[in-house]
Amino acid sequence: AELRGLDGEIAALSGKVQALQQSCRQMEAELKDLNSSMTTSEMAKEIEELRKDCASYTEKLERIKSATNHVTPEEKEKVCGEQKLYCKEWRRRKRMATELLDAILEGYPKSKKQFFEEVGIETDEDHNVTLPA
């Protein structure tokens, strides 16, 4: 009877120990979260830095808005038109050169790449050139 009583007491104490260990783990996790978060003084410094950044960006925006050297829509349209024209001409010249080279390569015994190397032609792939849309 005495052993049964002690076994019951041991079981009750084991339950208490497990509950306390679980509580301890939860508190340790909470402590870890609190230690990894910012303190009030660090947060105040961060807020002050962000306010300074915001003020400098606001000042920069005002300077940009008040600038008088904006590009007019007419100038922008003119530049875009010239760029489209140059791209069109470049494509036309490239197509013509490609057709000419393909005609030469019809009777050439080696590969296109070998021909380009012998003649000294650099391709767009050699320079990673991409055309604008």
Protein backbone atom coordinates (compact mmCIF):
# COMPACT_ATOMS: atom_id res chain seq x y z
CA ALA A 1 0.00 0.00 0.00
CA GLU A 2 2.84 2.29 0.86
CA LEU A 3 4.55 1.51 -2.50
CA ARG A 4 1.32 2.23 -4.37
CA GLY A 5 1.04 5.53 -2.59
CA LEU A 6 4.61 6.42 -3.48
CA ASP A 7 3.99 5.35 -7.13
CA GLY A 8 0.97 7.64 -7.25
CA GLU A 9 3.00 10.47 -5.74
CA ILE A 10 5.78 9.86 -8.31
CA ALA A 11 3.25 9.92 -11.17
CA ALA A 12 1.74 13.17 -9.88
CA LEU A 13 5.17 14.76 -9.49
CA SER A 14 6.21 13.53 -12.99
CA GLY A 15 3.12 15.23 -14.42
CA LYS A 16 4.02 18.42 -12.59
CA VAL A 17 7.62 18.20 -13.89
CA GLN A 18 6.39 17.78 -17.48
CA ALA A 19 4.02 20.73 -17.10
CA LEU A 20 6.81 22.88 -15.66
CA GLN A 21 9.20 21.84 -18.46
CA GLN A 22 6.58 22.75 -21.07
CA SER A 23 6.02 26.10 -19.37
CA CYS A 24 9.80 26.65 -19.23
CA ARG A 25 10.13 25.92 -22.99
CA GLN A 26 7.37 28.42 -23.76
CA MET A 27 9.01 31.07 -21.60
CA GLU A 28 12.41 30.41 -23.24
CA ALA A 29 10.86 30.84 -26.68
CA GLU A 30 9.23 34.08 -25.55
CA LEU A 31 12.55 35.27 -24.09
CA LYS A 32 14.31 34.44 -27.37
CA ASP A 33 11.71 36.49 -29.30
CA LEU A 34 12.10 39.42 -26.93
CA ASN A 35 15.91 39.29 -27.11
CA SER A 36 15.85 39.31 -30.91
CA SER A 37 13.47 42.28 -31.12
CA MET A 38 14.58 45.93 -30.97
CA THR A 39 14.75 47.86 -27.77
CA THR A 40 12.88 51.12 -27.33
CA SER A 41 16.02 53.22 -27.81
CA GLU A 42 17.00 51.26 -30.96
CA MET A 43 13.48 51.71 -32.30
CA ALA A 44 13.66 55.46 -31.61
CA LYS A 45 16.97 55.69 -33.51
CA GLU A 46 15.50 53.73 -36.43
CA ILE A 47 12.44 55.99 -36.54
CA GLU A 48 14.66 59.09 -36.48
CA GLU A 49 16.80 57.73 -39.36
CA LEU A 50 13.69 56.93 -41.38
CA ARG A 51 12.33 60.43 -40.78
CA LYS A 52 15.64 61.94 -41.98
CA ASP A 53 15.52 59.75 -45.09
CA CYS A 54 11.93 60.75 -45.73
CA ALA A 55 12.79 64.45 -45.35
CA SER A 56 15.73 64.16 -47.76
CA TYR A 57 13.57 62.33 -50.32
CA THR A 58 10.85 64.96 -49.96
CA GLU A 59 13.41 67.71 -50.52
CA LYS A 60 14.80 65.87 -53.56
CA LEU A 61 11.30 65.45 -54.96
CA GLU A 62 10.59 69.16 -54.52
CA ARG A 63 13.84 70.04 -56.33
CA ILE A 64 12.92 67.74 -59.19
CA LYS A 65 9.39 69.18 -59.40
CA SER A 66 10.67 72.76 -59.39
CA ALA A 67 13.32 72.10 -62.05
CA THR A 68 12.79 73.95 -65.30
CA ASN A 69 14.75 71.64 -67.57
CA HIS A 70 12.00 69.08 -68.12
CA VAL A 71 11.82 67.27 -71.44
CA THR A 72 8.84 68.45 -73.41
CA PRO A 73 6.52 65.89 -74.99
CA GLU A 74 7.55 67.18 -78.43
CA GLU A 75 11.24 66.59 -77.72
CA LYS A 76 10.48 63.16 -76.32
CA GLU A 77 8.41 62.27 -79.38
CA LYS A 78 11.18 63.51 -81.68
CA VAL A 79 13.83 61.39 -79.92
CA CYS A 80 11.57 58.31 -79.92
CA GLY A 81 10.86 58.80 -83.62
CA GLU A 82 14.57 59.05 -84.41
CA GLN A 83 15.29 55.93 -82.38
CA LYS A 84 12.58 53.99 -84.23
CA LEU A 85 13.96 55.19 -87.56
CA TYR A 86 17.51 54.17 -86.66
CA CYS A 87 16.33 50.73 -85.48
CA LYS A 88 14.35 50.27 -88.71
CA GLU A 89 17.38 51.20 -90.81
CA TRP A 90 19.65 48.96 -88.75
CA ARG A 91 17.27 46.00 -89.20
CA ARG A 92 17.09 46.68 -92.96
CA ARG A 93 20.89 46.77 -93.26
CA LYS A 94 21.23 43.65 -91.14
CA ARG A 95 18.69 41.80 -93.29
CA MET A 96 20.49 42.85 -96.47
CA ALA A 97 23.87 41.75 -95.10
CA THR A 98 22.40 38.44 -93.93
CA GLU A 99 20.90 37.77 -97.36
CA LEU A 100 24.22 38.59 -99.01
CA LEU A 101 26.16 36.34 -96.64
CA ASP A 102 23.65 33.51 -97.11
CA ALA A 103 24.12 33.79 -100.88
CA ILE A 104 27.90 33.56 -100.45
CA LEU A 105 27.58 30.62 -98.03
CA GLU A 106 25.55 28.56 -100.53
CA GLY A 107 28.73 27.61 -102.35
CA TYR A 108 31.08 27.78 -99.36
CA PRO A 109 32.38 24.37 -98.18
CA LYS A 110 32.80 25.28 -94.48
CA SER A 111 30.30 26.26 -91.79
CA LYS A 112 28.84 29.73 -91.33
CA LYS A 113 30.77 30.21 -88.10
CA GLN A 114 34.07 29.28 -89.74
CA PHE A 115 33.34 31.69 -92.62
CA PHE A 116 32.63 34.53 -90.18
CA GLU A 117 35.90 33.82 -88.34
CA GLU A 118 37.93 33.77 -91.57
CA VAL A 119 36.37 36.98 -92.88
CA GLY A 120 36.46 38.68 -89.47
CA ILE A 121 32.75 39.33 -89.03
CA GLU A 122 31.52 39.89 -85.49
CA THR A 123 27.97 38.79 -84.78
CA ASP A 124 25.44 40.24 -82.35
CA GLU A 125 25.81 37.07 -80.26
CA ASP A 126 29.50 37.93 -79.77
CA HIS A 127 28.44 41.17 -78.06
CA ASN A 128 25.17 40.04 -76.40
CA VAL A 129 23.20 42.71 -78.29
CA THR A 130 19.46 42.85 -77.78
CA LEU A 131 17.15 45.04 -79.78
CA PRO A 132 14.71 47.38 -78.09
CA ALA A 133 11.04 46.51 -78.38
